[in-house]
Full PDB file with SEQRES, HELIX, SHEET, SSBOND, CRYST1, ORIGX, SCALE, CONECT and MASTER records, all heavy atoms in Angstrom:
SEQRES   1 A   38  LEU LEU ILE ASN LEU GLY ALA PHE LEU PHE PHE ARG PHE          
SEQRES   2 A   38  LEU GLU LEU GLY MET TRP THR VAL GLY VAL GLY ASP ILE          
SEQRES   3 A   38  GLN ASN VAL LEU GLU TRP PHE MET ILE SER LYS SER              
HELIX    1 AA1 LEU A    2  VAL A   21  1                                  20    
HELIX    2 AA2 ILE A   26  LEU A   30  1                                   5    
CRYST1    1.000    1.000    1.000  90.00  90.00  90.00 P 1           1          
ORIGX1      1.000000  0.000000  0.000000        0.00000                         
ORIGX2      0.000000  1.000000  0.000000        0.00000                         
ORIGX3      0.000000  0.000000  1.000000        0.00000                         
SCALE1      1.000000  0.000000  0.000000        0.00000                         
SCALE2      0.000000  1.000000  0.000000        0.00000                         
SCALE3      0.000000  0.000000  1.000000        0.00000                         
ATOM      1  N   LEU A   1       3.082 -16.378  13.680  1.00  0.00           N  
ATOM      2  CA  LEU A   1       3.953 -17.410  13.108  1.00  0.00           C  
ATOM      3  C   LEU A   1       3.395 -17.914  11.782  1.00  0.00           C  
ATOM      4  O   LEU A   1       4.119 -18.028  10.786  1.00  0.00           O  
ATOM      5  CB  LEU A   1       4.117 -18.578  14.079  1.00  0.00           C  
ATOM      6  CG  LEU A   1       4.993 -18.347  15.299  1.00  0.00           C  
ATOM      7  CD1 LEU A   1       4.809 -19.469  16.311  1.00  0.00           C  
ATOM      8  CD2 LEU A   1       6.445 -18.206  14.910  1.00  0.00           C  
ATOM      9  N   LEU A   2       2.094 -18.212  11.743  1.00  0.00           N  
ATOM     10  CA  LEU A   2       1.479 -18.726  10.520  1.00  0.00           C  
ATOM     11  C   LEU A   2       1.468 -17.691   9.405  1.00  0.00           C  
ATOM     12  O   LEU A   2       1.698 -18.031   8.236  1.00  0.00           O  
ATOM     13  CB  LEU A   2       0.070 -19.236  10.811  1.00  0.00           C  
ATOM     14  CG  LEU A   2      -0.009 -20.525  11.635  1.00  0.00           C  
ATOM     15  CD1 LEU A   2      -1.450 -20.823  12.017  1.00  0.00           C  
ATOM     16  CD2 LEU A   2       0.615 -21.685  10.878  1.00  0.00           C  
ATOM     17  N   ILE A   3       1.230 -16.435   9.734  1.00  0.00           N  
ATOM     18  CA  ILE A   3       1.253 -15.382   8.706  1.00  0.00           C  
ATOM     19  C   ILE A   3       2.655 -15.237   8.131  1.00  0.00           C  
ATOM     20  O   ILE A   3       2.836 -15.168   6.906  1.00  0.00           O  
ATOM     21  CB  ILE A   3       0.745 -14.044   9.283  1.00  0.00           C  
ATOM     22  CG1 ILE A   3      -0.747 -14.133   9.574  1.00  0.00           C  
ATOM     23  CG2 ILE A   3       1.045 -12.893   8.330  1.00  0.00           C  
ATOM     24  CD1 ILE A   3      -1.287 -12.977  10.402  1.00  0.00           C  
ATOM     25  N   ASN A   4       3.656 -15.195   8.994  1.00  0.00           N  
ATOM     26  CA  ASN A   4       5.042 -15.072   8.523  1.00  0.00           C  
ATOM     27  C   ASN A   4       5.449 -16.279   7.687  1.00  0.00           C  
ATOM     28  O   ASN A   4       6.067 -16.126   6.628  1.00  0.00           O  
ATOM     29  CB  ASN A   4       5.997 -14.894   9.706  1.00  0.00           C  
ATOM     30  CG  ASN A   4       6.062 -13.476  10.193  1.00  0.00           C  
ATOM     31  OD1 ASN A   4       6.704 -12.626   9.589  1.00  0.00           O  
ATOM     32  ND2 ASN A   4       5.381 -13.200  11.289  1.00  0.00           N  
ATOM     33  N   LEU A   5       5.130 -17.476   8.160  1.00  0.00           N  
ATOM     34  CA  LEU A   5       5.476 -18.688   7.406  1.00  0.00           C  
ATOM     35  C   LEU A   5       4.708 -18.759   6.089  1.00  0.00           C  
ATOM     36  O   LEU A   5       5.264 -19.165   5.062  1.00  0.00           O  
ATOM     37  CB  LEU A   5       5.202 -19.936   8.251  1.00  0.00           C  
ATOM     38  CG  LEU A   5       6.166 -20.168   9.408  1.00  0.00           C  
ATOM     39  CD1 LEU A   5       5.656 -21.296  10.305  1.00  0.00           C  
ATOM     40  CD2 LEU A   5       7.555 -20.471   8.908  1.00  0.00           C  
ATOM     41  N   GLY A   6       3.447 -18.365   6.106  1.00  0.00           N  
ATOM     42  CA  GLY A   6       2.652 -18.360   4.888  1.00  0.00           C  
ATOM     43  C   GLY A   6       3.220 -17.412   3.842  1.00  0.00           C  
ATOM     44  O   GLY A   6       3.312 -17.753   2.658  1.00  0.00           O  
ATOM     45  N   ALA A   7       3.609 -16.208   4.271  1.00  0.00           N  
ATOM     46  CA  ALA A   7       4.203 -15.247   3.337  1.00  0.00           C  
ATOM     47  C   ALA A   7       5.525 -15.782   2.789  1.00  0.00           C  
ATOM     48  O   ALA A   7       5.811 -15.666   1.593  1.00  0.00           O  
ATOM     49  CB  ALA A   7       4.417 -13.900   4.031  1.00  0.00           C  
ATOM     50  N   PHE A   8       6.331 -16.389   3.675  1.00  0.00           N  
ATOM     51  CA  PHE A   8       7.603 -16.953   3.240  1.00  0.00           C  
ATOM     52  C   PHE A   8       7.391 -18.031   2.182  1.00  0.00           C  
ATOM     53  O   PHE A   8       8.015 -18.017   1.115  1.00  0.00           O  
ATOM     54  CB  PHE A   8       8.357 -17.529   4.444  1.00  0.00           C  
ATOM     55  CG  PHE A   8       9.649 -18.199   4.092  1.00  0.00           C  
ATOM     56  CD1 PHE A   8      10.766 -17.453   3.782  1.00  0.00           C  
ATOM     57  CD2 PHE A   8       9.737 -19.584   4.073  1.00  0.00           C  
ATOM     58  CE1 PHE A   8      11.962 -18.074   3.461  1.00  0.00           C  
ATOM     59  CE2 PHE A   8      10.926 -20.208   3.751  1.00  0.00           C  
ATOM     60  CZ  PHE A   8      12.049 -19.452   3.444  1.00  0.00           C  
ATOM     61  N   LEU A   9       6.491 -18.968   2.462  1.00  0.00           N  
ATOM     62  CA  LEU A   9       6.230 -20.055   1.518  1.00  0.00           C  
ATOM     63  C   LEU A   9       5.616 -19.543   0.217  1.00  0.00           C  
ATOM     64  O   LEU A   9       5.968 -20.022  -0.866  1.00  0.00           O  
ATOM     65  CB  LEU A   9       5.331 -21.110   2.154  1.00  0.00           C  
ATOM     66  CG  LEU A   9       5.964 -21.922   3.280  1.00  0.00           C  
ATOM     67  CD1 LEU A   9       4.934 -22.818   3.939  1.00  0.00           C  
ATOM     68  CD2 LEU A   9       7.151 -22.728   2.762  1.00  0.00           C  
ATOM     69  N   PHE A  10       4.720 -18.565   0.308  1.00  0.00           N  
ATOM     70  CA  PHE A  10       4.121 -17.998  -0.901  1.00  0.00           C  
ATOM     71  C   PHE A  10       5.195 -17.446  -1.837  1.00  0.00           C  
ATOM     72  O   PHE A  10       5.208 -17.750  -3.033  1.00  0.00           O  
ATOM     73  CB  PHE A  10       3.115 -16.898  -0.540  1.00  0.00           C  
ATOM     74  CG  PHE A  10       2.597 -16.166  -1.739  1.00  0.00           C  
ATOM     75  CD1 PHE A  10       1.604 -16.727  -2.526  1.00  0.00           C  
ATOM     76  CD2 PHE A  10       3.105 -14.924  -2.094  1.00  0.00           C  
ATOM     77  CE1 PHE A  10       1.123 -16.058  -3.647  1.00  0.00           C  
ATOM     78  CE2 PHE A  10       2.639 -14.253  -3.214  1.00  0.00           C  
ATOM     79  CZ  PHE A  10       1.647 -14.826  -3.995  1.00  0.00           C  
ATOM     80  N   PHE A  11       6.102 -16.652  -1.296  1.00  0.00           N  
ATOM     81  CA  PHE A  11       7.133 -16.054  -2.149  1.00  0.00           C  
ATOM     82  C   PHE A  11       8.176 -17.072  -2.605  1.00  0.00           C  
ATOM     83  O   PHE A  11       8.761 -16.921  -3.670  1.00  0.00           O  
ATOM     84  CB  PHE A  11       7.774 -14.849  -1.467  1.00  0.00           C  
ATOM     85  CG  PHE A  11       6.893 -13.636  -1.513  1.00  0.00           C  
ATOM     86  CD1 PHE A  11       6.209 -13.211  -0.395  1.00  0.00           C  
ATOM     87  CD2 PHE A  11       6.724 -12.930  -2.697  1.00  0.00           C  
ATOM     88  CE1 PHE A  11       5.375 -12.109  -0.451  1.00  0.00           C  
ATOM     89  CE2 PHE A  11       5.906 -11.825  -2.769  1.00  0.00           C  
ATOM     90  CZ  PHE A  11       5.226 -11.411  -1.642  1.00  0.00           C  
ATOM     91  N   ARG A  12       8.423 -18.119  -1.813  1.00  0.00           N  
ATOM     92  CA  ARG A  12       9.343 -19.162  -2.277  1.00  0.00           C  
ATOM     93  C   ARG A  12       8.728 -19.934  -3.446  1.00  0.00           C  
ATOM     94  O   ARG A  12       9.406 -20.251  -4.425  1.00  0.00           O  
ATOM     95  CB  ARG A  12       9.690 -20.138  -1.159  1.00  0.00           C  
ATOM     96  CG  ARG A  12      10.520 -19.577  -0.027  1.00  0.00           C  
ATOM     97  CD  ARG A  12      11.920 -19.041  -0.380  1.00  0.00           C  
ATOM     98  NE  ARG A  12      12.008 -17.899  -1.225  1.00  0.00           N  
ATOM     99  CZ  ARG A  12      11.819 -16.616  -0.868  1.00  0.00           C  
ATOM    100  NH1 ARG A  12      11.496 -16.315   0.350  1.00  0.00           N  
ATOM    101  NH2 ARG A  12      11.936 -15.655  -1.742  1.00  0.00           N  
ATOM    102  N   PHE A  13       7.435 -20.275  -3.348  1.00  0.00           N  
ATOM    103  CA  PHE A  13       6.771 -20.962  -4.453  1.00  0.00           C  
ATOM    104  C   PHE A  13       6.647 -20.059  -5.673  1.00  0.00           C  
ATOM    105  O   PHE A  13       6.784 -20.520  -6.809  1.00  0.00           O  
ATOM    106  CB  PHE A  13       5.402 -21.503  -4.029  1.00  0.00           C  
ATOM    107  CG  PHE A  13       5.487 -22.741  -3.187  1.00  0.00           C  
ATOM    108  CD1 PHE A  13       4.913 -22.773  -1.937  1.00  0.00           C  
ATOM    109  CD2 PHE A  13       6.151 -23.869  -3.641  1.00  0.00           C  
ATOM    110  CE1 PHE A  13       4.999 -23.917  -1.147  1.00  0.00           C  
ATOM    111  CE2 PHE A  13       6.246 -25.017  -2.859  1.00  0.00           C  
ATOM    112  CZ  PHE A  13       5.665 -25.044  -1.616  1.00  0.00           C  
ATOM    113  N   LEU A  14       6.399 -18.779  -5.452  1.00  0.00           N  
ATOM    114  CA  LEU A  14       6.363 -17.829  -6.564  1.00  0.00           C  
ATOM    115  C   LEU A  14       7.729 -17.750  -7.238  1.00  0.00           C  
ATOM    116  O   LEU A  14       7.825 -17.749  -8.471  1.00  0.00           O  
ATOM    117  CB  LEU A  14       5.930 -16.450  -6.071  1.00  0.00           C  
ATOM    118  CG  LEU A  14       5.824 -15.354  -7.129  1.00  0.00           C  
ATOM    119  CD1 LEU A  14       4.779 -15.715  -8.179  1.00  0.00           C  
ATOM    120  CD2 LEU A  14       5.491 -14.021  -6.471  1.00  0.00           C  
ATOM    121  N   GLU A  15       8.782 -17.725  -6.430  1.00  0.00           N  
ATOM    122  CA  GLU A  15      10.138 -17.700  -6.985  1.00  0.00           C  
ATOM    123  C   GLU A  15      10.411 -18.968  -7.795  1.00  0.00           C  
ATOM    124  O   GLU A  15      10.980 -18.904  -8.886  1.00  0.00           O  
ATOM    125  CB  GLU A  15      11.152 -17.569  -5.855  1.00  0.00           C  
ATOM    126  CG  GLU A  15      12.594 -17.522  -6.334  1.00  0.00           C  
ATOM    127  CD  GLU A  15      13.569 -17.357  -5.181  1.00  0.00           C  
ATOM    128  OE1 GLU A  15      13.291 -17.853  -4.064  1.00  0.00           O  
ATOM    129  OE2 GLU A  15      14.619 -16.742  -5.412  1.00  0.00           O  
ATOM    130  N   LEU A  16       9.991 -20.115  -7.282  1.00  0.00           N  
ATOM    131  CA  LEU A  16      10.166 -21.373  -8.000  1.00  0.00           C  
ATOM    132  C   LEU A  16       9.414 -21.350  -9.326  1.00  0.00           C  
ATOM    133  O   LEU A  16       9.943 -21.746 -10.364  1.00  0.00           O  
ATOM    134  CB  LEU A  16       9.698 -22.549  -7.139  1.00  0.00           C  
ATOM    135  CG  LEU A  16       9.801 -23.936  -7.766  1.00  0.00           C  
ATOM    136  CD1 LEU A  16      11.255 -24.286  -8.054  1.00  0.00           C  
ATOM    137  CD2 LEU A  16       9.158 -24.969  -6.859  1.00  0.00           C  
ATOM    138  N   GLY A  17       8.190 -20.854  -9.292  1.00  0.00           N  
ATOM    139  CA  GLY A  17       7.410 -20.757 -10.524  1.00  0.00           C  
ATOM    140  C   GLY A  17       8.041 -19.801 -11.526  1.00  0.00           C  
ATOM    141  O   GLY A  17       8.090 -20.091 -12.725  1.00  0.00           O  
ATOM    142  N   MET A  18       8.529 -18.670 -11.049  1.00  0.00           N  
ATOM    143  CA  MET A  18       9.177 -17.704 -11.942  1.00  0.00           C  
ATOM    144  C   MET A  18      10.452 -18.292 -12.538  1.00  0.00           C  
ATOM    145  O   MET A  18      10.751 -18.085 -13.705  1.00  0.00           O  
ATOM    146  CB  MET A  18       9.479 -16.405 -11.185  1.00  0.00           C  
ATOM    147  CG  MET A  18       8.245 -15.623 -10.811  1.00  0.00           C  
ATOM    148  SD  MET A  18       8.590 -14.202  -9.746  1.00  0.00           S  
ATOM    149  CE  MET A  18       9.388 -13.103 -10.916  1.00  0.00           C  
ATOM    150  N   TRP A  19      11.193 -19.028 -11.722  1.00  0.00           N  
ATOM    151  CA  TRP A  19      12.420 -19.654 -12.213  1.00  0.00           C  
ATOM    152  C   TRP A  19      12.090 -20.737 -13.241  1.00  0.00           C  
ATOM    153  O   TRP A  19      12.770 -20.867 -14.252  1.00  0.00           O  
ATOM    154  CB  TRP A  19      13.200 -20.249 -11.043  1.00  0.00           C  
ATOM    155  CG  TRP A  19      14.421 -20.984 -11.461  1.00  0.00           C  
ATOM    156  CD1 TRP A  19      15.625 -20.451 -11.822  1.00  0.00           C  
ATOM    157  CD2 TRP A  19      14.564 -22.405 -11.577  1.00  0.00           C  
ATOM    158  NE1 TRP A  19      16.504 -21.447 -12.143  1.00  0.00           N  
ATOM    159  CE2 TRP A  19      15.879 -22.664 -12.000  1.00  0.00           C  
ATOM    160  CE3 TRP A  19      13.714 -23.483 -11.352  1.00  0.00           C  
ATOM    161  CZ2 TRP A  19      16.364 -23.941 -12.212  1.00  0.00           C  
ATOM    162  CZ3 TRP A  19      14.195 -24.751 -11.553  1.00  0.00           C  
ATOM    163  CH2 TRP A  19      15.497 -24.974 -11.979  1.00  0.00           C  
ATOM    164  N   THR A  20      11.036 -21.508 -12.981  1.00  0.00           N  
ATOM    165  CA  THR A  20      10.643 -22.597 -13.872  1.00  0.00           C  
ATOM    166  C   THR A  20      10.278 -22.095 -15.259  1.00  0.00           C  
ATOM    167  O   THR A  20      10.695 -22.674 -16.259  1.00  0.00           O  
ATOM    168  CB  THR A  20       9.450 -23.380 -13.274  1.00  0.00           C  
ATOM    169  OG1 THR A  20       9.835 -23.864 -11.991  1.00  0.00           O  
ATOM    170  CG2 THR A  20       9.060 -24.543 -14.157  1.00  0.00           C  
ATOM    171  N   VAL A  21       9.519 -21.019 -15.322  1.00  0.00           N  
ATOM    172  CA  VAL A  21       9.110 -20.498 -16.633  1.00  0.00           C  
ATOM    173  C   VAL A  21      10.072 -19.452 -17.175  1.00  0.00           C  
ATOM    174  O   VAL A  21       9.911 -18.987 -18.298  1.00  0.00           O  
ATOM    175  CB  VAL A  21       7.666 -19.929 -16.602  1.00  0.00           C  
ATOM    176  CG1 VAL A  21       6.665 -21.017 -16.290  1.00  0.00           C  
ATOM    177  CG2 VAL A  21       7.545 -18.782 -15.639  1.00  0.00           C  
ATOM    178  N   GLY A  22      11.085 -19.096 -16.391  1.00  0.00           N  
ATOM    179  CA  GLY A  22      12.106 -18.158 -16.856  1.00  0.00           C  
ATOM    180  C   GLY A  22      11.617 -16.729 -16.975  1.00  0.00           C  
ATOM    181  O   GLY A  22      12.015 -16.001 -17.888  1.00  0.00           O  
ATOM    182  N   VAL A  23      10.768 -16.320 -16.034  1.00  0.00           N  
ATOM    183  CA  VAL A  23      10.205 -14.973 -16.080  1.00  0.00           C  
ATOM    184  C   VAL A  23      10.734 -14.150 -14.916  1.00  0.00           C  
ATOM    185  O   VAL A  23      10.487 -14.480 -13.767  1.00  0.00           O  
ATOM    186  CB  VAL A  23       8.663 -15.014 -15.998  1.00  0.00           C  
ATOM    187  CG1 VAL A  23       8.083 -13.618 -15.999  1.00  0.00           C  
ATOM    188  CG2 VAL A  23       8.096 -15.842 -17.118  1.00  0.00           C  
ATOM    189  N   GLY A  24      11.434 -13.084 -15.189  1.00  0.00           N  
ATOM    190  CA  GLY A  24      11.813 -12.103 -14.190  1.00  0.00           C  
ATOM    191  C   GLY A  24      12.599 -12.632 -13.007  1.00  0.00           C  
ATOM    192  O   GLY A  24      13.154 -13.724 -13.019  1.00  0.00           O  
ATOM    193  N   ASP A  25      12.626 -11.811 -11.981  1.00  0.00           N  
ATOM    194  CA  ASP A  25      13.383 -12.080 -10.774  1.00  0.00           C  
ATOM    195  C   ASP A  25      12.478 -11.811  -9.573  1.00  0.00           C  
ATOM    196  O   ASP A  25      11.752 -10.811  -9.549  1.00  0.00           O  
ATOM    197  CB  ASP A  25      14.610 -11.167 -10.744  1.00  0.00           C  
ATOM    198  CG  ASP A  25      15.496 -11.396  -9.549  1.00  0.00           C  
ATOM    199  OD1 ASP A  25      15.358 -12.437  -8.879  1.00  0.00           O  
ATOM    200  OD2 ASP A  25      16.356 -10.527  -9.280  1.00  0.00           O  
ATOM    201  N   ILE A  26      12.523 -12.664  -8.576  1.00  0.00           N  
ATOM    202  CA  ILE A  26      11.675 -12.500  -7.394  1.00  0.00           C  
ATOM    203  C   ILE A  26      11.997 -11.199  -6.670  1.00  0.00           C  
ATOM    204  O   ILE A  26      11.123 -10.610  -6.035  1.00  0.00           O  
ATOM    205  CB  ILE A  26      11.792 -13.726  -6.442  1.00  0.00           C  
ATOM    206  CG1 ILE A  26      10.690 -13.690  -5.367  1.00  0.00           C  
ATOM    207  CG2 ILE A  26      13.155 -13.760  -5.778  1.00  0.00           C  
ATOM    208  CD1 ILE A  26       9.312 -13.877  -5.890  1.00  0.00           C  
ATOM    209  N   GLN A  27      13.218 -10.722  -6.780  1.00  0.00           N  
ATOM    210  CA  GLN A  27      13.603  -9.468  -6.128  1.00  0.00           C  
ATOM    211  C   GLN A  27      12.727  -8.314  -6.605  1.00  0.00           C  
ATOM    212  O   GLN A  27      12.314  -7.468  -5.812  1.00  0.00           O  
ATOM    213  CB  GLN A  27      15.080  -9.162  -6.394  1.00  0.00           C  
ATOM    214  CG  GLN A  27      15.600  -7.941  -5.669  1.00  0.00           C  
ATOM    215  CD  GLN A  27      15.682  -8.113  -4.177  1.00  0.00           C  
ATOM    216  OE1 GLN A  27      15.789  -9.227  -3.673  1.00  0.00           O  
ATOM    217  NE2 GLN A  27      15.621  -7.023  -3.446  1.00  0.00           N  
ATOM    218  N   ASN A  28      12.409  -8.295  -7.901  1.00  0.00           N  
ATOM    219  CA  ASN A  28      11.551  -7.232  -8.431  1.00  0.00           C  
ATOM    220  C   ASN A  28      10.146  -7.296  -7.837  1.00  0.00           C  
ATOM    221  O   ASN A  28       9.513  -6.267  -7.634  1.00  0.00           O  
ATOM    222  CB  ASN A  28      11.469  -7.329  -9.962  1.00  0.00           C  
ATOM    223  CG  ASN A  28      12.810  -7.099 -10.611  1.00  0.00           C  
ATOM    224  OD1 ASN A  28      13.649  -6.379 -10.080  1.00  0.00           O  
ATOM    225  ND2 ASN A  28      13.026  -7.720 -11.752  1.00  0.00           N  
ATOM    226  N   VAL A  29       9.659  -8.484  -7.559  1.00  0.00           N  
ATOM    227  CA  VAL A  29       8.341  -8.638  -6.938  1.00  0.00           C  
ATOM    228  C   VAL A  29       8.419  -8.245  -5.464  1.00  0.00           C  
ATOM    229  O   VAL A  29       7.562  -7.517  -4.956  1.00  0.00           O  
ATOM    230  CB  VAL A  29       7.825 -10.087  -7.093  1.00  0.00           C  
ATOM    231  CG1 VAL A  29       6.504 -10.281  -6.361  1.00  0.00           C  
ATOM    232  CG2 VAL A  29       7.699 -10.456  -8.556  1.00  0.00           C  
ATOM    233  N   LEU A  30       9.445  -8.712  -4.765  1.00  0.00           N  
ATOM    234  CA  LEU A  30       9.586  -8.421  -3.340  1.00  0.00           C  
ATOM    235  C   LEU A  30       9.725  -6.927  -3.063  1.00  0.00           C  
ATOM    236  O   LEU A  30       9.287  -6.442  -2.020  1.00  0.00           O  
ATOM    237  CB  LEU A  30      10.780  -9.168  -2.758  1.00  0.00           C  
ATOM    238  CG  LEU A  30      10.578 -10.653  -2.480  1.00  0.00           C  
ATOM    239  CD1 LEU A  30      11.893 -11.298  -2.067  1.00  0.00           C  
ATOM    240  CD2 LEU A  30       9.525 -10.869  -1.421  1.00  0.00           C  
ATOM    241  N   GLU A  31      10.321  -6.186  -3.992  1.00  0.00           N  
ATOM    242  CA  GLU A  31      10.512  -4.752  -3.788  1.00  0.00           C  
ATOM    243  C   GLU A  31       9.184  -4.017  -3.623  1.00  0.00           C  
ATOM    244  O   GLU A  31       9.143  -2.938  -3.042  1.00  0.00           O  
ATOM    245  CB  GLU A  31      11.324  -4.147  -4.933  1.00  0.00           C  
ATOM    246  CG  GLU A  31      12.786  -4.517  -4.857  1.00  0.00           C  
ATOM    247  CD  GLU A  31      13.599  -4.037  -6.049  1.00  0.00           C  
ATOM    248  OE1 GLU A  31      13.039  -3.358  -6.943  1.00  0.00           O  
ATOM    249  OE2 GLU A  31      14.797  -4.354  -6.081  1.00  0.00           O  
ATOM    250  N   TRP A  32       8.102  -4.599  -4.112  1.00  0.00           N  
ATOM    251  CA  TRP A  32       6.780  -3.989  -3.950  1.00  0.00           C  
ATOM    252  C   TRP A  32       6.253  -4.162  -2.529  1.00  0.00           C  
ATOM    253  O   TRP A  32       5.226  -3.577  -2.173  1.00  0.00           O  
ATOM    254  CB  TRP A  32       5.792  -4.577  -4.958  1.00  0.00           C  
ATOM    255  CG  TRP A  32       5.987  -3.970  -6.300  1.00  0.00           C  
ATOM    256  CD1 TRP A  32       6.829  -4.402  -7.286  1.00  0.00           C  
ATOM    257  CD2 TRP A  32       5.370  -2.789  -6.801  1.00  0.00           C  
ATOM    258  NE1 TRP A  32       6.764  -3.576  -8.361  1.00  0.00           N  
ATOM    259  CE2 TRP A  32       5.864  -2.565  -8.091  1.00  0.00           C  
ATOM    260  CE3 TRP A  32       4.434  -1.899  -6.292  1.00  0.00           C  
ATOM    261  CZ2 TRP A  32       5.467  -1.495  -8.881  1.00  0.00           C  
ATOM    262  CZ3 TRP A  32       4.036  -0.833  -7.067  1.00  0.00           C  
ATOM    263  CH2 TRP A  32       4.548  -0.638  -8.336  1.00  0.00           C  
ATOM    264  N   PHE A  33       6.913  -4.978  -1.723  1.00  0.00           N  
ATOM    265  CA  PHE A  33       6.447  -5.257  -0.360  1.00  0.00           C  
ATOM    266  C   PHE A  33       7.489  -4.920   0.705  1.00  0.00           C  
ATOM    267  O   PHE A  33       7.185  -4.972   1.890  1.00  0.00           O  
ATOM    268  CB  PHE A  33       6.041  -6.727  -0.244  1.00  0.00           C  
ATOM    269  CG  PHE A  33       4.951  -7.107  -1.198  1.00  0.00           C  
ATOM    270  CD1 PHE A  33       5.251  -7.723  -2.404  1.00  0.00           C  
ATOM    271  CD2 PHE A  33       3.637  -6.811  -0.908  1.00  0.00           C  
ATOM    272  CE1 PHE A  33       4.251  -8.053  -3.295  1.00  0.00           C  
ATOM    273  CE2 PHE A  33       2.626  -7.135  -1.797  1.00  0.00           C  
ATOM    274  CZ  PHE A  33       2.933  -7.758  -2.992  1.00  0.00           C  
ATOM    275  N   MET A  34       8.719  -4.591   0.294  1.00  0.00           N  
ATOM    276  CA  MET A  34       9.782  -4.250   1.239  1.00  0.00           C  
ATOM    277  C   MET A  34       9.813  -2.738   1.456  1.00  0.00           C  
ATOM    278  O   MET A  34       9.445  -1.974   0.575  1.00  0.00           O  
ATOM    279  CB  MET A  34      11.144  -4.708   0.699  1.00  0.00           C  
ATOM    280  CG  MET A  34      11.262  -6.193   0.531  1.00  0.00           C  
ATOM    281  SD  MET A  34      12.927  -6.779   0.126  1.00  0.00           S  
ATOM    282  CE  MET A  34      13.339  -5.934  -1.359  1.00  0.00           C  
ATOM    283  N   ILE A  35      10.303  -2.333   2.616  1.00  0.00           N  
ATOM    284  CA  ILE A  35      10.452  -0.910   2.897  1.00  0.00           C  
ATOM    285  C   ILE A  35      11.668  -0.394   2.126  1.00  0.00           C  
ATOM    286  O   ILE A  35      12.697  -1.051   2.063  1.00  0.00           O  
ATOM    287  CB  ILE A  35      10.575  -0.642   4.420  1.00  0.00           C  
ATOM    288  CG1 ILE A  35      10.504   0.844   4.731  1.00  0.00           C  
ATOM    289  CG2 ILE A  35      11.821  -1.248   5.007  1.00  0.00           C  
ATOM    290  CD1 ILE A  35       9.148   1.417   4.675  1.00  0.00           C  
ATOM    291  N   SER A  36      11.514   0.753   1.522  1.00  0.00           N  
ATOM    292  CA  SER A  36      12.570   1.345   0.711  1.00  0.00           C  
ATOM    293  C   SER A  36      13.193   2.523   1.444  1.00  0.00           C  
ATOM    294  O   SER A  36      12.544   3.167   2.268  1.00  0.00           O  
ATOM    295  CB  SER A  36      11.985   1.828  -0.624  1.00  0.00           C  
ATOM    296  OG  SER A  36      12.944   2.560  -1.351  1.00  0.00           O  
ATOM    297  N   LYS A  37      14.431   2.832   1.104  1.00  0.00           N  
ATOM    298  CA  LYS A  37      15.031   4.026   1.677  1.00  0.00           C  
ATOM    299  C   LYS A  37      14.630   5.267   0.892  1.00  0.00           C  
ATOM    300  O   LYS A  37      14.891   6.379   1.319  1.00  0.00           O  
ATOM    301  CB  LYS A  37      16.550   3.884   1.760  1.00  0.00           C  
ATOM    302  CG  LYS A  37      17.307   4.050   0.472  1.00  0.00           C  
ATOM    303  CD  LYS A  37      18.798   3.984   0.742  1.00  0.00           C  
ATOM    304  CE  LYS A  37      19.607   4.350  -0.479  1.00  0.00           C  
ATOM    305  NZ  LYS A  37      21.042   4.310  -0.184  1.00  0.00           N  
ATOM    306  N   SER A  38      13.963   5.070  -0.230  1.00  0.00           N  
ATOM    307  CA  SER A  38      13.476   6.177  -1.048  1.00  0.00           C  
ATOM    308  C   SER A  38      12.157   6.696  -0.482  1.00  0.00           C  
ATOM    309  O   SER A  38      11.176   5.956  -0.392  1.00  0.00           O  
ATOM    310  CB  SER A  38      13.272   5.711  -2.492  1.00  0.00           C  
ATOM    311  OG  SER A  38      12.460   6.615  -3.204  1.00  0.00           O  
TER     312      SER A  38                                                      
MASTER        0    0    0    2    0    0    0    6  311    1    0    3          
END                                                                             
């Protein structure tokens, strides 16, 4: 539970930071950790 919640909060704060400074999209970062069909 703590690992899942920690990962969720980490990426939400990263998304907030990226949105604040106007850099990129969190989806591009998440793709490095999600399973791909490729």
